[in-house]
Amino acid sequence: MKKSLKINRAISKKLQKWIDSNQPIPDAGDDEVVMTYTLHFPDKIEADIKVCNSDNGPWIDAVLFEDGSEVCVLEPGYKILGEYNFEYMGKDYIVVLK
């Protein structure tokens, strides 16, 4: 299953600039979630694509949930726009942020 979400261009550019800088986002605490994009799939599955702050700079945390329980986590990412491919219970769940 594939779901797409068009996100605000100015915000995505600003977030990507912070990610590329490898510097923490000012006024955001360490390990703080700065932005979350959530997509809902049928069968009680949802995906969160989160921009998280850290002392080494922001990164992307992509997580798949079933009934609110974490079932799949992708490796940390550093590009906000693009595809996030999850596999769970023999099914592919693809999130596209554009």
N, C-alpha and C. Protein backbone atom coordinates (compact mmCIF):
# COMPACT_ATOMS: atom_id res chain seq x y z
N MET A 1 0.83 -1.17 0.00
CA MET A 1 0.00 0.00 0.00
C MET A 1 0.88 1.23 0.00
N LYS A 2 0.43 2.23 -0.71
CA LYS A 2 1.22 3.44 -0.83
C LYS A 2 0.33 4.65 -0.54
N LYS A 3 0.84 5.54 0.31
CA LYS A 3 0.15 6.79 0.65
C LYS A 3 1.13 7.94 0.46
N SER A 4 0.62 9.05 -0.05
CA SER A 4 1.45 10.24 -0.26
C SER A 4 0.90 11.40 0.55
N LEU A 5 1.79 12.27 0.93
CA LEU A 5 1.41 13.48 1.64
C LEU A 5 2.24 14.63 1.10
N LYS A 6 1.56 15.66 0.63
CA LYS A 6 2.25 16.86 0.17
C LYS A 6 2.42 17.77 1.37
N ILE A 7 3.68 18.11 1.65
CA ILE A 7 3.95 18.95 2.82
C ILE A 7 4.36 20.34 2.36
N ASN A 8 4.25 21.29 3.27
CA ASN A 8 4.57 22.68 2.97
C ASN A 8 6.02 22.80 2.49
N ARG A 9 6.18 23.36 1.30
CA ARG A 9 7.50 23.46 0.68
C ARG A 9 8.48 24.28 1.51
N ALA A 10 8.02 25.42 2.02
CA ALA A 10 8.91 26.30 2.79
C ALA A 10 9.37 25.60 4.08
N ILE A 11 8.46 24.92 4.73
CA ILE A 11 8.81 24.20 5.96
C ILE A 11 9.77 23.06 5.66
N SER A 12 9.50 22.29 4.60
CA SER A 12 10.38 21.17 4.28
C SER A 12 11.78 21.65 3.92
N LYS A 13 11.88 22.77 3.21
CA LYS A 13 13.20 23.32 2.87
C LYS A 13 13.95 23.77 4.12
N LYS A 14 13.22 24.43 5.03
CA LYS A 14 13.84 24.90 6.27
C LYS A 14 14.33 23.72 7.11
N LEU A 15 13.49 22.69 7.24
CA LEU A 15 13.89 21.50 8.00
C LEU A 15 15.09 20.81 7.36
N GLN A 16 15.06 20.67 6.03
CA GLN A 16 16.17 20.01 5.35
C GLN A 16 17.46 20.80 5.52
N LYS A 17 17.36 22.12 5.51
CA LYS A 17 18.55 22.95 5.73
C LYS A 17 19.15 22.67 7.11
N TRP A 18 18.29 22.53 8.12
CA TRP A 18 18.79 22.21 9.46
C TRP A 18 19.41 20.82 9.50
N ILE A 19 18.76 19.86 8.84
CA ILE A 19 19.29 18.50 8.81
C ILE A 19 20.67 18.50 8.16
N ASP A 20 20.80 19.18 7.03
CA ASP A 20 22.07 19.22 6.29
C ASP A 20 23.18 19.94 7.06
N SER A 21 22.80 20.84 7.95
CA SER A 21 23.81 21.62 8.69
C SER A 21 24.50 20.82 9.79
N ASN A 22 23.90 19.70 10.21
CA ASN A 22 24.42 18.90 11.32
C ASN A 22 24.53 19.71 12.61
N GLN A 23 23.71 20.74 12.73
CA GLN A 23 23.67 21.55 13.93
C GLN A 23 22.28 21.43 14.56
N PRO A 24 22.19 21.42 15.89
CA PRO A 24 20.88 21.36 16.54
C PRO A 24 20.00 22.53 16.14
N ILE A 25 18.71 22.30 16.10
CA ILE A 25 17.76 23.36 15.83
C ILE A 25 17.66 24.23 17.08
N PRO A 26 17.88 25.55 16.94
CA PRO A 26 17.79 26.42 18.11
C PRO A 26 16.39 26.38 18.72
N ASP A 27 16.34 26.56 20.00
CA ASP A 27 15.08 26.61 20.74
C ASP A 27 14.33 25.28 20.76
N ALA A 28 14.97 24.20 20.34
CA ALA A 28 14.38 22.86 20.43
C ALA A 28 15.30 22.04 21.31
N GLY A 29 14.74 21.33 22.25
CA GLY A 29 15.56 20.53 23.16
C GLY A 29 16.16 19.31 22.49
N ASP A 30 17.19 18.74 23.12
CA ASP A 30 17.78 17.50 22.61
C ASP A 30 16.73 16.40 22.63
N ASP A 31 16.74 15.59 21.62
CA ASP A 31 15.80 14.46 21.47
C ASP A 31 14.35 14.90 21.44
N GLU A 32 14.11 16.15 21.08
CA GLU A 32 12.75 16.66 20.96
C GLU A 32 12.24 16.42 19.54
N VAL A 33 10.99 16.01 19.42
CA VAL A 33 10.35 15.87 18.12
C VAL A 33 9.93 17.27 17.68
N VAL A 34 10.46 17.70 16.54
CA VAL A 34 10.21 19.05 16.04
C VAL A 34 8.98 19.09 15.14
N MET A 35 8.78 18.03 14.34
CA MET A 35 7.66 17.97 13.40
C MET A 35 7.30 16.50 13.19
N THR A 36 6.00 16.22 13.09
CA THR A 36 5.53 14.86 12.82
C THR A 36 4.53 14.88 11.69
N TYR A 37 4.74 13.99 10.74
CA TYR A 37 3.78 13.77 9.66
C TYR A 37 3.23 12.36 9.83
N THR A 38 1.91 12.23 9.91
CA THR A 38 1.28 10.94 10.15
C THR A 38 0.38 10.59 8.98
N LEU A 39 0.50 9.35 8.52
CA LEU A 39 -0.36 8.84 7.46
C LEU A 39 -1.06 7.59 7.97
N HIS A 40 -2.35 7.48 7.66
CA HIS A 40 -3.16 6.36 8.12
C HIS A 40 -3.43 5.41 6.96
N PHE A 41 -3.18 4.14 7.20
CA PHE A 41 -3.48 3.09 6.24
C PHE A 41 -4.72 2.34 6.74
N PRO A 42 -5.38 1.61 5.82
CA PRO A 42 -6.46 0.73 6.30
C PRO A 42 -5.85 -0.32 7.23
N ASP A 43 -6.62 -1.07 7.86
CA ASP A 43 -6.21 -2.16 8.76
C ASP A 43 -5.48 -1.68 10.02
N LYS A 44 -5.83 -0.48 10.51
CA LYS A 44 -5.33 0.06 11.78
C LYS A 44 -3.82 0.26 11.81
N ILE A 45 -3.24 0.53 10.65
CA ILE A 45 -1.80 0.80 10.53
C ILE A 45 -1.62 2.29 10.27
N GLU A 46 -0.63 2.88 10.94
CA GLU A 46 -0.29 4.27 10.65
C GLU A 46 1.22 4.42 10.70
N ALA A 47 1.70 5.42 9.98
CA ALA A 47 3.13 5.70 9.93
C ALA A 47 3.37 7.12 10.39
N ASP A 48 4.39 7.29 11.21
CA ASP A 48 4.85 8.61 11.63
C ASP A 48 6.23 8.85 11.04
N ILE A 49 6.37 9.98 10.38
CA ILE A 49 7.68 10.44 9.92
C ILE A 49 7.97 11.67 10.77
N LYS A 50 8.97 11.53 11.64
CA LYS A 50 9.25 12.58 12.63
C LYS A 50 10.63 13.20 12.39
N VAL A 51 10.68 14.52 12.49
CA VAL A 51 11.96 15.22 12.49
C VAL A 51 12.32 15.43 13.95
N CYS A 52 13.44 14.85 14.36
CA CYS A 52 13.87 14.89 15.76
C CYS A 52 15.15 15.70 15.88
N ASN A 53 15.26 16.45 16.95
CA ASN A 53 16.45 17.25 17.21
C ASN A 53 17.41 16.46 18.10
N SER A 54 18.70 16.70 17.92
CA SER A 54 19.70 16.12 18.81
C SER A 54 20.91 17.05 18.84
N ASP A 55 21.84 16.77 19.74
CA ASP A 55 23.02 17.63 19.81
C ASP A 55 23.92 17.47 18.59
N ASN A 56 23.70 16.43 17.77
CA ASN A 56 24.44 16.22 16.53
C ASN A 56 23.67 16.73 15.32
N GLY A 57 22.55 17.39 15.55
CA GLY A 57 21.73 17.89 14.46
C GLY A 57 20.48 17.05 14.29
N PRO A 58 19.50 17.54 13.56
CA PRO A 58 18.23 16.83 13.38
C PRO A 58 18.37 15.60 12.49
N TRP A 59 17.42 14.71 12.64
CA TRP A 59 17.39 13.47 11.86
C TRP A 59 15.94 13.03 11.71
N ILE A 60 15.70 12.08 10.83
CA ILE A 60 14.35 11.59 10.55
C ILE A 60 14.16 10.24 11.24
N ASP A 61 13.07 10.14 11.99
CA ASP A 61 12.68 8.90 12.67
C ASP A 61 11.37 8.43 12.02
N ALA A 62 11.42 7.33 11.29
CA ALA A 62 10.25 6.80 10.59
C ALA A 62 9.78 5.53 11.29
N VAL A 63 8.52 5.53 11.76
CA VAL A 63 8.00 4.44 12.58
C VAL A 63 6.62 4.02 12.07
N LEU A 64 6.38 2.72 12.03
CA LEU A 64 5.08 2.16 11.66
C LEU A 64 4.42 1.61 12.91
N PHE A 65 3.13 1.89 13.06
CA PHE A 65 2.36 1.46 14.23
C PHE A 65 1.15 0.62 13.82
N GLU A 66 0.79 -0.32 14.67
CA GLU A 66 -0.47 -1.04 14.54
C GLU A 66 -1.20 -0.89 15.86
N ASP A 67 -2.40 -0.36 15.80
CA ASP A 67 -3.19 -0.11 17.01
C ASP A 67 -2.40 0.65 18.07
N GLY A 68 -1.55 1.57 17.64
CA GLY A 68 -0.78 2.40 18.57
C GLY A 68 0.51 1.78 19.07
N SER A 69 0.79 0.53 18.68
CA SER A 69 2.03 -0.13 19.10
C SER A 69 3.04 -0.11 17.95
N GLU A 70 4.27 0.22 18.28
CA GLU A 70 5.34 0.28 17.30
C GLU A 70 5.62 -1.12 16.75
N VAL A 71 5.59 -1.26 15.41
CA VAL A 71 5.83 -2.58 14.81
C VAL A 71 6.99 -2.60 13.83
N CYS A 72 7.45 -1.43 13.38
CA CYS A 72 8.58 -1.37 12.45
C CYS A 72 9.22 0.01 12.54
N VAL A 73 10.54 0.03 12.60
CA VAL A 73 11.29 1.29 12.66
C VAL A 73 12.36 1.25 11.57
N LEU A 74 12.46 2.31 10.80
CA LEU A 74 13.50 2.39 9.78
C LEU A 74 14.77 2.97 10.39
N GLU A 75 15.87 2.75 9.70
CA GLU A 75 17.15 3.35 10.12
C GLU A 75 16.99 4.87 10.11
N PRO A 76 17.72 5.59 10.96
CA PRO A 76 17.64 7.05 10.95
C PRO A 76 17.89 7.59 9.55
N GLY A 77 17.13 8.59 9.17
CA GLY A 77 17.26 9.19 7.84
C GLY A 77 17.66 10.64 7.92
N TYR A 78 18.06 11.18 6.76
CA TYR A 78 18.53 12.56 6.72
C TYR A 78 17.97 13.34 5.54
N LYS A 79 16.95 12.78 4.86
CA LYS A 79 16.24 13.46 3.77
C LYS A 79 14.76 13.41 4.10
N ILE A 80 14.14 14.57 4.23
CA ILE A 80 12.74 14.60 4.63
C ILE A 80 11.81 14.20 3.49
N LEU A 81 12.09 14.66 2.28
CA LEU A 81 11.23 14.33 1.14
C LEU A 81 11.66 13.01 0.53
N GLY A 82 10.67 12.24 0.08
CA GLY A 82 10.97 10.97 -0.57
C GLY A 82 10.13 9.84 -0.01
N GLU A 83 10.56 8.61 -0.33
CA GLU A 83 9.81 7.42 0.08
C GLU A 83 10.38 6.79 1.34
N TYR A 84 9.47 6.31 2.14
CA TYR A 84 9.80 5.55 3.35
C TYR A 84 9.10 4.20 3.19
N ASN A 85 9.90 3.13 3.10
CA ASN A 85 9.35 1.81 2.82
C ASN A 85 9.40 0.93 4.07
N PHE A 86 8.23 0.55 4.53
CA PHE A 86 8.11 -0.34 5.68
C PHE A 86 7.62 -1.70 5.20
N GLU A 87 8.07 -2.75 5.86
CA GLU A 87 7.53 -4.09 5.61
C GLU A 87 7.06 -4.64 6.94
N TYR A 88 5.81 -5.11 6.95
CA TYR A 88 5.24 -5.64 8.18
C TYR A 88 4.21 -6.71 7.84
N MET A 89 4.35 -7.85 8.44
CA MET A 89 3.43 -8.97 8.28
C MET A 89 3.22 -9.31 6.79
N GLY A 90 4.32 -9.31 6.04
CA GLY A 90 4.28 -9.67 4.63
C GLY A 90 3.70 -8.60 3.71
N LYS A 91 3.45 -7.42 4.23
CA LYS A 91 2.90 -6.33 3.42
C LYS A 91 3.89 -5.17 3.37
N ASP A 92 3.87 -4.46 2.25
CA ASP A 92 4.68 -3.25 2.12
C ASP A 92 3.79 -2.04 2.37
N TYR A 93 4.27 -1.15 3.22
CA TYR A 93 3.61 0.12 3.50
C TYR A 93 4.60 1.20 3.08
N ILE A 94 4.20 1.99 2.08
CA ILE A 94 5.09 2.99 1.53
C ILE A 94 4.50 4.37 1.78
N VAL A 95 5.30 5.21 2.38
CA VAL A 95 4.92 6.60 2.66
C VAL A 95 5.77 7.49 1.75
N VAL A 96 5.14 8.41 1.07
CA VAL A 96 5.86 9.36 0.22
C VAL A 96 5.55 10.77 0.73
N LEU A 97 6.61 11.46 1.15
CA LEU A 97 6.47 12.88 1.48
C LEU A 97 6.98 13.67 0.28
N LYS A 98 6.14 14.56 -0.22
CA LYS A 98 6.53 15.35 -1.39
C LYS A 98 6.12 16.79 -1.22
